[in-house]
Amino acid sequence: MRTILITGAAGALGKLLRKELKDWDRNIRLTDVRDLCKPTNHEEIVPCDLADLDSVIEMIDGVDEIVHLGGKSVEGSFEEILNSNIRGTYNIFEASRRHGGKRILFASSNHAVGFHPRESKLDGNSIQKPDSLYGVSKCFGEILARYYFDKFAVESVSVRIGSCFPEPKDRRMLATWLSPDDFVSLTKRVFEAEHVGSLIMYGVSDNQEQWWDNSHAAFLGWSPRDTSEPFRLMIEENVPRSDWDDSDIQYQGGAFAEAGHFEDE
């Protein structure tokens, strides 16, 4: 069997993949700085601080594919973002290169483009407009992925994940929602595809409101099956509509775009 590494395996998306990929034809190597409990069949657990390059290089030995979810998943101080998201992502790509170039699914974010207006429809070539230091770190990862492909042929797919939860929680998520099943099927397709190059695409389900265009990624052969529409009535009845002059409604990044600089008092 091939071996797939999942970083950040103790987080919400890591737990999802750990559960849903258990019957896939892969051995699964799991890593996090948090407790991952005991491994089950076809699992192994390798604790690792992604900020330590030597440890990451050792951890990737014997790995064929990498899902890089590890890092801080919300806004934080520059030092937190630097260690968790920037240094850790560099170490993953560099370790992949040193082991011959393992294909990587990099969990980017819609917050890499969060300062685009909601009326703008974006694709993988749209200019980066981060709405936070967290978004800046995802822009770094996307550019790093391009560098490692152009110079070292390390293939990757940077997935700008929208909002991956069991169901959408608010009006914004009616557009950004990525169902857990769609995320799992996208993950599989990234590693089943014959070739991915250095691709930036959006992790989003087939929602009625469309902010993002994945037509450039059609060669991957992935199509989402779920939609947020079954939740629309419930959300519109229970979540008040925002005023249009609020920045959290003007920009795709929502509250991330509205928030001030994290380190300001």
C-alpha atoms as a PDB file:
ATOM      1  CA  MET A   1       0.000   0.000   0.000  1.00  0.00           C
ATOM      2  CA  ARG A   2       0.953   3.633  -0.455  1.00  0.00           C
ATOM      3  CA  THR A   3       1.352   5.690   2.694  1.00  0.00           C
ATOM      4  CA  ILE A   4      -0.380   9.035   3.103  1.00  0.00           C
ATOM      5  CA  LEU A   5       0.653  11.506   5.797  1.00  0.00           C
ATOM      6  CA  ILE A   6      -1.939  13.759   7.421  1.00  0.00           C
ATOM      7  CA  THR A   7      -0.524  16.694   9.378  1.00  0.00           C
ATOM      8  CA  GLY A   8      -2.754  18.454  11.878  1.00  0.00           C
ATOM      9  CA  ALA A   9      -4.523  15.134  12.337  1.00  0.00           C
ATOM     10  CA  ALA A  10      -6.012  16.140  15.709  1.00  0.00           C
ATOM     11  CA  GLY A  11      -7.912  19.059  14.145  1.00  0.00           C
ATOM     12  CA  ALA A  12     -11.448  18.929  12.795  1.00  0.00           C
ATOM     13  CA  LEU A  13     -10.483  18.202   9.182  1.00  0.00           C
ATOM     14  CA  GLY A  14      -7.743  15.813  10.249  1.00  0.00           C
ATOM     15  CA  LYS A  15     -10.206  13.823  12.342  1.00  0.00           C
ATOM     16  CA  LEU A  16     -12.614  13.775   9.412  1.00  0.00           C
ATOM     17  CA  LEU A  17     -10.027  12.354   7.023  1.00  0.00           C
ATOM     18  CA  ARG A  18      -8.774   9.896   9.609  1.00  0.00           C
ATOM     19  CA  LYS A  19     -12.290   8.500   9.946  1.00  0.00           C
ATOM     20  CA  GLU A  20     -13.334   8.571   6.286  1.00  0.00           C
ATOM     21  CA  LEU A  21     -10.072   7.285   4.761  1.00  0.00           C
ATOM     22  CA  LYS A  22      -9.737   4.286   7.067  1.00  0.00           C
ATOM     23  CA  ASP A  23     -11.038   1.929   4.359  1.00  0.00           C
ATOM     24  CA  TRP A  24      -9.110   3.571   1.519  1.00  0.00           C
ATOM     25  CA  ASP A  25      -6.232   1.617   0.004  1.00  0.00           C
ATOM     26  CA  ARG A  26      -3.619   3.582   1.962  1.00  0.00           C
ATOM     27  CA  ASN A  27      -1.608   3.255   5.108  1.00  0.00           C
ATOM     28  CA  ILE A  28      -2.216   6.436   7.093  1.00  0.00           C
ATOM     29  CA  ARG A  29       0.511   8.218   9.031  1.00  0.00           C
ATOM     30  CA  LEU A  30      -0.876  10.789  11.458  1.00  0.00           C
ATOM     31  CA  THR A  31       0.943  13.645  13.110  1.00  0.00           C
ATOM     32  CA  ASP A  32       0.099  16.500  15.450  1.00  0.00           C
ATOM     33  CA  VAL A  33       1.471  18.099  18.596  1.00  0.00           C
ATOM     34  CA  ARG A  34      -1.802  17.148  20.307  1.00  0.00           C
ATOM     35  CA  ASP A  35      -2.882  13.705  21.473  1.00  0.00           C
ATOM     36  CA  LEU A  36      -4.050  11.384  18.684  1.00  0.00           C
ATOM     37  CA  CYS A  37      -5.007   8.422  20.921  1.00  0.00           C
ATOM     38  CA  LYS A  38      -4.121   4.920  19.778  1.00  0.00           C
ATOM     39  CA  PRO A  39      -3.662   3.966  16.118  1.00  0.00           C
ATOM     40  CA  THR A  40      -6.070   1.547  14.459  1.00  0.00           C
ATOM     41  CA  ASN A  41      -5.488  -0.761  11.471  1.00  0.00           C
ATOM     42  CA  HIS A  42      -3.349   0.787   8.720  1.00  0.00           C
ATOM     43  CA  GLU A  43      -2.514   3.753  10.988  1.00  0.00           C
ATOM     44  CA  GLU A  44       0.674   4.919  12.617  1.00  0.00           C
ATOM     45  CA  ILE A  45       1.170   7.963  14.795  1.00  0.00           C
ATOM     46  CA  VAL A  46       4.323  10.060  14.614  1.00  0.00           C
ATOM     47  CA  PRO A  47       4.276  13.085  16.931  1.00  0.00           C
ATOM     48  CA  CYS A  48       6.146  15.974  15.338  1.00  0.00           C
ATOM     49  CA  ASP A  49       6.632  19.706  15.704  1.00  0.00           C
ATOM     50  CA  LEU A  50       6.330  20.953  12.129  1.00  0.00           C
ATOM     51  CA  ALA A  51       8.605  23.893  12.976  1.00  0.00           C
ATOM     52  CA  ASP A  52      11.522  21.433  13.381  1.00  0.00           C
ATOM     53  CA  LEU A  53      12.874  20.672   9.896  1.00  0.00           C
ATOM     54  CA  ASP A  54      14.965  17.675  10.913  1.00  0.00           C
ATOM     55  CA  SER A  55      11.975  16.052  12.602  1.00  0.00           C
ATOM     56  CA  VAL A  56       9.773  16.683   9.565  1.00  0.00           C
ATOM     57  CA  ILE A  57      12.368  15.187   7.211  1.00  0.00           C
ATOM     58  CA  GLU A  58      12.532  12.078   9.408  1.00  0.00           C
ATOM     59  CA  MET A  59       8.736  11.846   9.647  1.00  0.00           C
ATOM     60  CA  ILE A  60       8.265  11.947   5.866  1.00  0.00           C
ATOM     61  CA  ASP A  61      10.627   9.033   5.270  1.00  0.00           C
ATOM     62  CA  GLY A  62       8.521   6.252   3.714  1.00  0.00           C
ATOM     63  CA  VAL A  63       5.602   8.565   2.877  1.00  0.00           C
ATOM     64  CA  ASP A  64       4.153   8.696  -0.655  1.00  0.00           C
ATOM     65  CA  GLU A  65       1.542  11.479  -0.305  1.00  0.00           C
ATOM     66  CA  ILE A  66       0.975  14.392   2.072  1.00  0.00           C
ATOM     67  CA  VAL A  67      -2.162  16.180   3.245  1.00  0.00           C
ATOM     68  CA  HIS A  68      -0.852  19.281   4.978  1.00  0.00           C
ATOM     69  CA  LEU A  69      -3.533  20.523   7.367  1.00  0.00           C
ATOM     70  CA  GLY A  70      -1.195  21.371  10.249  1.00  0.00           C
ATOM     71  CA  GLY A  71      -0.898  24.891  11.588  1.00  0.00           C
ATOM     72  CA  LYS A  72      -2.988  27.584  13.194  1.00  0.00           C
ATOM     73  CA  SER A  73      -6.443  27.633  11.600  1.00  0.00           C
ATOM     74  CA  VAL A  74      -7.525  31.088  12.792  1.00  0.00           C
ATOM     75  CA  GLU A  75      -5.956  34.517  13.161  1.00  0.00           C
ATOM     76  CA  GLY A  76      -3.103  34.913  15.634  1.00  0.00           C
ATOM     77  CA  SER A  77      -0.006  36.895  16.471  1.00  0.00           C
ATOM     78  CA  PHE A  78       2.765  37.121  13.895  1.00  0.00           C
ATOM     79  CA  GLU A  79       4.993  34.818  15.963  1.00  0.00           C
ATOM     80  CA  GLU A  80       2.252  32.197  16.174  1.00  0.00           C
ATOM     81  CA  ILE A  81       1.565  32.385  12.447  1.00  0.00           C
ATOM     82  CA  LEU A  82       5.288  32.382  11.632  1.00  0.00           C
ATOM     83  CA  ASN A  83       6.026  29.178  13.536  1.00  0.00           C
ATOM     84  CA  SER A  84       2.838  27.242  12.856  1.00  0.00           C
ATOM     85  CA  ASN A  85       1.924  28.214   9.297  1.00  0.00           C
ATOM     86  CA  ILE A  86       4.950  29.694   7.549  1.00  0.00           C
ATOM     87  CA  ARG A  87       7.897  27.758   8.939  1.00  0.00           C
ATOM     88  CA  GLY A  88       5.863  24.555   9.199  1.00  0.00           C
ATOM     89  CA  THR A  89       4.675  24.761   5.591  1.00  0.00           C
ATOM     90  CA  TYR A  90       8.201  25.462   4.346  1.00  0.00           C
ATOM     91  CA  ASN A  91       9.446  22.405   6.233  1.00  0.00           C
ATOM     92  CA  ILE A  92       6.796  20.168   4.657  1.00  0.00           C
ATOM     93  CA  PHE A  93       7.698  21.224   1.112  1.00  0.00           C
ATOM     94  CA  GLU A  94      11.436  21.075   1.768  1.00  0.00           C
ATOM     95  CA  ALA A  95      11.172  17.628   3.340  1.00  0.00           C
ATOM     96  CA  SER A  96       9.121  16.460   0.353  1.00  0.00           C
ATOM     97  CA  ARG A  97      11.833  17.711  -1.992  1.00  0.00           C
ATOM     98  CA  ARG A  98      14.557  15.930  -0.041  1.00  0.00           C
ATOM     99  CA  HIS A  99      12.584  12.687  -0.261  1.00  0.00           C
ATOM    100  CA  GLY A 100      12.111  12.893  -4.018  1.00  0.00           C
ATOM    101  CA  GLY A 101       9.047  15.133  -4.278  1.00  0.00           C
ATOM    102  CA  LYS A 102       5.919  13.714  -2.641  1.00  0.00           C
ATOM    103  CA  ARG A 103       2.616  15.134  -3.938  1.00  0.00           C
ATOM    104  CA  ILE A 104       1.059  17.553  -1.441  1.00  0.00           C
ATOM    105  CA  LEU A 105      -2.474  18.713  -0.778  1.00  0.00           C
ATOM    106  CA  PHE A 106      -1.914  22.068   0.914  1.00  0.00           C
ATOM    107  CA  ALA A 107      -4.859  23.307   2.945  1.00  0.00           C
ATOM    108  CA  SER A 108      -4.991  26.931   1.864  1.00  0.00           C
ATOM    109  CA  SER A 109      -7.973  29.132   2.638  1.00  0.00           C
ATOM    110  CA  ASN A 110     -10.489  31.523   1.158  1.00  0.00           C
ATOM    111  CA  HIS A 111      -8.851  34.072   3.456  1.00  0.00           C
ATOM    112  CA  ALA A 112      -5.965  34.267   0.981  1.00  0.00           C
ATOM    113  CA  VAL A 113      -8.437  36.210  -1.190  1.00  0.00           C
ATOM    114  CA  GLY A 114     -10.715  37.560   1.534  1.00  0.00           C
ATOM    115  CA  PHE A 115     -10.542  41.227   0.530  1.00  0.00           C
ATOM    116  CA  HIS A 116     -12.160  40.634  -2.839  1.00  0.00           C
ATOM    117  CA  PRO A 117     -15.741  41.979  -2.957  1.00  0.00           C
ATOM    118  CA  ARG A 118     -18.478  39.387  -2.806  1.00  0.00           C
ATOM    119  CA  GLU A 119     -19.673  40.400  -6.282  1.00  0.00           C
ATOM    120  CA  SER A 120     -16.336  39.287  -7.797  1.00  0.00           C
ATOM    121  CA  LYS A 121     -16.144  35.743  -9.123  1.00  0.00           C
ATOM    122  CA  LEU A 122     -12.664  34.372  -8.577  1.00  0.00           C
ATOM    123  CA  ASP A 123     -10.610  31.548 -10.064  1.00  0.00           C
ATOM    124  CA  GLY A 124      -7.194  30.109  -9.361  1.00  0.00           C
ATOM    125  CA  ASN A 125      -5.469  33.009 -11.129  1.00  0.00           C
ATOM    126  CA  SER A 126      -7.204  35.766  -9.173  1.00  0.00           C
ATOM    127  CA  ILE A 127      -4.865  38.089  -7.325  1.00  0.00           C
ATOM    128  CA  GLN A 128      -4.176  37.253  -3.700  1.00  0.00           C
ATOM    129  CA  LYS A 129      -5.877  39.720  -1.329  1.00  0.00           C
ATOM    130  CA  PRO A 130      -5.429  38.323   2.195  1.00  0.00           C
ATOM    131  CA  ASP A 131      -7.703  39.565   4.950  1.00  0.00           C
ATOM    132  CA  SER A 132      -5.496  38.620   7.930  1.00  0.00           C
ATOM    133  CA  LEU A 133      -2.055  37.411   8.946  1.00  0.00           C
ATOM    134  CA  TYR A 134      -3.570  33.947   8.717  1.00  0.00           C
ATOM    135  CA  GLY A 135      -4.524  34.717   5.103  1.00  0.00           C
ATOM    136  CA  VAL A 136      -0.999  36.033   4.465  1.00  0.00           C
ATOM    137  CA  SER A 137       0.407  32.689   5.624  1.00  0.00           C
ATOM    138  CA  LYS A 138      -1.819  30.872   3.130  1.00  0.00           C
ATOM    139  CA  CYS A 139      -0.622  33.185   0.344  1.00  0.00           C
ATOM    140  CA  PHE A 140       2.930  32.260   1.339  1.00  0.00           C
ATOM    141  CA  GLY A 141       2.090  28.563   1.112  1.00  0.00           C
ATOM    142  CA  GLU A 142       0.567  28.951  -2.344  1.00  0.00           C
ATOM    143  CA  ILE A 143       3.613  30.833  -3.666  1.00  0.00           C
ATOM    144  CA  LEU A 144       5.929  28.325  -1.993  1.00  0.00           C
ATOM    145  CA  ALA A 145       4.066  25.511  -3.737  1.00  0.00           C
ATOM    146  CA  ARG A 146       4.584  27.237  -7.095  1.00  0.00           C
ATOM    147  CA  TYR A 147       8.309  27.629  -6.389  1.00  0.00           C
ATOM    148  CA  TYR A 148       8.783  24.006  -5.423  1.00  0.00           C
ATOM    149  CA  PHE A 149       6.987  22.827  -8.558  1.00  0.00           C
ATOM    150  CA  ASP A 150       8.773  25.133 -10.996  1.00  0.00           C
ATOM    151  CA  LYS A 151      12.218  24.460  -9.560  1.00  0.00           C
ATOM    152  CA  PHE A 152      11.972  20.927  -8.164  1.00  0.00           C
ATOM    153  CA  ALA A 153       8.823  19.403  -9.786  1.00  0.00           C
ATOM    154  CA  VAL A 154       7.094  18.861  -6.420  1.00  0.00           C
ATOM    155  CA  GLU A 155       3.430  18.558  -7.397  1.00  0.00           C
ATOM    156  CA  SER A 156       0.766  20.113  -5.197  1.00  0.00           C
ATOM    157  CA  VAL A 157      -2.820  21.260  -5.040  1.00  0.00           C
ATOM    158  CA  SER A 158      -3.465  24.320  -2.891  1.00  0.00           C
ATOM    159  CA  VAL A 159      -7.120  24.068  -1.886  1.00  0.00           C
ATOM    160  CA  ARG A 160      -8.640  27.364  -0.809  1.00  0.00           C
ATOM    161  CA  ILE A 161     -11.066  25.803   1.639  1.00  0.00           C
ATOM    162  CA  GLY A 162     -14.303  27.699   2.155  1.00  0.00           C
ATOM    163  CA  SER A 163     -16.167  26.590   5.305  1.00  0.00           C
ATOM    164  CA  CYS A 164     -15.991  22.858   5.941  1.00  0.00           C
ATOM    165  CA  PHE A 165     -18.527  21.913   8.600  1.00  0.00           C
ATOM    166  CA  PRO A 166     -21.309  19.313   8.819  1.00  0.00           C
ATOM    167  CA  GLU A 167     -23.696  22.099   7.800  1.00  0.00           C
ATOM    168  CA  PRO A 168     -23.445  25.839   7.061  1.00  0.00           C
ATOM    169  CA  LYS A 169     -23.799  28.069  10.106  1.00  0.00           C
ATOM    170  CA  ASP A 170     -24.711  31.464   8.661  1.00  0.00           C
ATOM    171  CA  ARG A 171     -25.680  33.312   5.474  1.00  0.00           C
ATOM    172  CA  ARG A 172     -22.088  33.654   4.282  1.00  0.00           C
ATOM    173  CA  MET A 173     -21.617  29.898   4.467  1.00  0.00           C
ATOM    174  CA  LEU A 174     -24.473  29.375   2.034  1.00  0.00           C
ATOM    175  CA  ALA A 175     -21.835  30.423  -0.535  1.00  0.00           C
ATOM    176  CA  THR A 176     -18.624  29.127   1.068  1.00  0.00           C
ATOM    177  CA  TRP A 177     -19.785  25.767   2.439  1.00  0.00           C
ATOM    178  CA  LEU A 178     -17.746  22.656   1.646  1.00  0.00           C
ATOM    179  CA  SER A 179     -19.467  19.495   2.836  1.00  0.00           C
ATOM    180  CA  PRO A 180     -17.346  16.911   4.651  1.00  0.00           C
ATOM    181  CA  ASP A 181     -18.142  14.322   1.958  1.00  0.00           C
ATOM    182  CA  ASP A 182     -17.034  16.693  -0.790  1.00  0.00           C
ATOM    183  CA  PHE A 183     -13.791  17.408   1.061  1.00  0.00           C
ATOM    184  CA  VAL A 184     -13.067  13.694   1.391  1.00  0.00           C
ATOM    185  CA  SER A 185     -13.776  13.032  -2.310  1.00  0.00           C
ATOM    186  CA  LEU A 186     -11.579  15.996  -3.302  1.00  0.00           C
ATOM    187  CA  THR A 187      -8.742  14.694  -1.142  1.00  0.00           C
ATOM    188  CA  LYS A 188      -8.900  11.289  -2.796  1.00  0.00           C
ATOM    189  CA  ARG A 189      -9.008  12.804  -6.256  1.00  0.00           C
ATOM    190  CA  VAL A 190      -5.915  14.934  -5.623  1.00  0.00           C
ATOM    191  CA  PHE A 191      -3.891  11.756  -5.138  1.00  0.00           C
ATOM    192  CA  GLU A 192      -5.655   9.584  -7.693  1.00  0.00           C
ATOM    193  CA  ALA A 193      -5.178  12.059 -10.561  1.00  0.00           C
ATOM    194  CA  GLU A 194      -2.380  11.256 -12.976  1.00  0.00           C
ATOM    195  CA  HIS A 195      -0.975  14.783 -12.885  1.00  0.00           C
ATOM    196  CA  VAL A 196      -1.766  17.938 -10.902  1.00  0.00           C
ATOM    197  CA  GLY A 197       1.197  20.259 -11.478  1.00  0.00           C
ATOM    198  CA  SER A 198       0.923  23.263  -9.181  1.00  0.00           C
ATOM    199  CA  LEU A 199      -2.800  23.913  -8.927  1.00  0.00           C
ATOM    200  CA  ILE A 200      -4.730  26.463  -6.890  1.00  0.00           C
ATOM    201  CA  MET A 201      -8.430  25.681  -6.603  1.00  0.00           C
ATOM    202  CA  TYR A 202     -11.384  26.236  -4.300  1.00  0.00           C
ATOM    203  CA  GLY A 203     -12.743  23.772  -1.786  1.00  0.00           C
ATOM    204  CA  VAL A 204     -16.446  24.469  -2.078  1.00  0.00           C
ATOM    205  CA  SER A 205     -19.589  22.453  -2.663  1.00  0.00           C
ATOM    206  CA  ASP A 206     -22.081  22.943  -5.502  1.00  0.00           C
ATOM    207  CA  ASN A 207     -23.866  25.837  -3.820  1.00  0.00           C
ATOM    208  CA  GLN A 208     -26.407  28.091  -5.507  1.00  0.00           C
ATOM    209  CA  GLU A 209     -24.387  31.189  -4.634  1.00  0.00           C
ATOM    210  CA  GLN A 210     -21.148  30.938  -6.584  1.00  0.00           C
ATOM    211  CA  TRP A 211     -18.182  33.141  -5.653  1.00  0.00           C
ATOM    212  CA  TRP A 212     -15.491  30.824  -7.013  1.00  0.00           C
ATOM    213  CA  ASP A 213     -14.850  29.205 -10.378  1.00  0.00           C
ATOM    214  CA  ASN A 214     -13.046  25.853 -10.550  1.00  0.00           C
ATOM    215  CA  SER A 215     -13.327  25.376 -14.312  1.00  0.00           C
ATOM    216  CA  HIS A 216      -9.535  25.709 -14.635  1.00  0.00           C
ATOM    217  CA  ALA A 217      -9.245  22.612 -12.422  1.00  0.00           C
ATOM    218  CA  ALA A 218     -11.633  20.469 -14.499  1.00  0.00           C
ATOM    219  CA  PHE A 219      -8.730  18.265 -15.602  1.00  0.00           C
ATOM    220  CA  LEU A 220      -8.543  16.989 -12.027  1.00  0.00           C
ATOM    221  CA  GLY A 221     -11.834  15.168 -12.543  1.00  0.00           C
ATOM    222  CA  TRP A 222     -13.518  16.282  -9.319  1.00  0.00           C
ATOM    223  CA  SER A 223     -17.082  17.534  -9.039  1.00  0.00           C
ATOM    224  CA  PRO A 224     -18.771  18.341  -5.715  1.00  0.00           C
ATOM    225  CA  ARG A 225     -22.056  16.549  -5.096  1.00  0.00           C
ATOM    226  CA  ASP A 226     -23.527  18.464  -2.165  1.00  0.00           C
ATOM    227  CA  THR A 227     -25.155  21.888  -1.917  1.00  0.00           C
ATOM    228  CA  SER A 228     -26.031  24.278   0.901  1.00  0.00           C
ATOM    229  CA  GLU A 229     -29.585  24.803  -0.409  1.00  0.00           C
ATOM    230  CA  PRO A 230     -31.296  22.358   2.006  1.00  0.00           C
ATOM    231  CA  PHE A 231     -30.115  24.638   4.844  1.00  0.00           C
ATOM    232  CA  ARG A 232     -31.125  27.956   3.296  1.00  0.00           C
ATOM    233  CA  LEU A 233     -34.605  28.319   4.784  1.00  0.00           C
ATOM    234  CA  MET A 234     -33.431  27.489   8.308  1.00  0.00           C
ATOM    235  CA  ILE A 235     -30.540  29.961   8.111  1.00  0.00           C
ATOM    236  CA  GLU A 236     -32.556  32.782   6.565  1.00  0.00           C
ATOM    237  CA  GLU A 237     -35.203  32.379   9.269  1.00  0.00           C
ATOM    238  CA  ASN A 238     -32.714  32.336  12.150  1.00  0.00           C
ATOM    239  CA  VAL A 239     -29.768  34.497  11.070  1.00  0.00           C
ATOM    240  CA  PRO A 240     -30.471  38.230  10.599  1.00  0.00           C
ATOM    241  CA  ARG A 241     -29.390  39.897   7.381  1.00  0.00           C
ATOM    242  CA  SER A 242     -26.362  42.207   7.787  1.00  0.00           C
ATOM    243  CA  ASP A 243     -26.318  45.815   6.640  1.00  0.00           C
ATOM    244  CA  TRP A 244     -24.579  46.249   3.288  1.00  0.00           C
ATOM    245  CA  ASP A 245     -22.157  48.863   4.655  1.00  0.00           C
ATOM    246  CA  ASP A 246     -20.723  46.328   7.112  1.00  0.00           C
ATOM    247  CA  SER A 247     -17.325  45.099   5.914  1.00  0.00           C
ATOM    248  CA  ASP A 248     -18.164  41.559   6.949  1.00  0.00           C
ATOM    249  CA  ILE A 249     -20.830  41.526   4.221  1.00  0.00           C
ATOM    250  CA  GLN A 250     -18.895  43.486   1.590  1.00  0.00           C
ATOM    251  CA  TYR A 251     -15.882  41.205   1.427  1.00  0.00           C
ATOM    252  CA  GLN A 252     -15.544  37.489   0.802  1.00  0.00           C
ATOM    253  CA  GLY A 253     -13.487  37.047   3.965  1.00  0.00           C
ATOM    254  CA  GLY A 254     -16.424  38.081   6.152  1.00  0.00           C
ATOM    255  CA  ALA A 255     -15.486  38.725   9.775  1.00  0.00           C
ATOM    256  CA  PHE A 256     -11.780  38.254   9.016  1.00  0.00           C
ATOM    257  CA  ALA A 257     -11.915  41.307   6.741  1.00  0.00           C
ATOM    258  CA  GLU A 258     -13.825  43.310   9.334  1.00  0.00           C
ATOM    259  CA  ALA A 259     -11.490  42.564  12.239  1.00  0.00           C
ATOM    260  CA  GLY A 260      -8.595  44.883  13.082  1.00  0.00           C
ATOM    261  CA  HIS A 261      -4.965  43.887  13.308  1.00  0.00           C
ATOM    262  CA  PHE A 262      -4.673  40.987  15.757  1.00  0.00           C
ATOM    263  CA  GLU A 263      -1.817  42.474  17.771  1.00  0.00           C
ATOM    264  CA  ASP A 264      -3.473  45.858  18.375  1.00  0.00           C
ATOM    265  CA  GLU A 265      -4.812  46.381  21.867  1.00  0.00           C
END
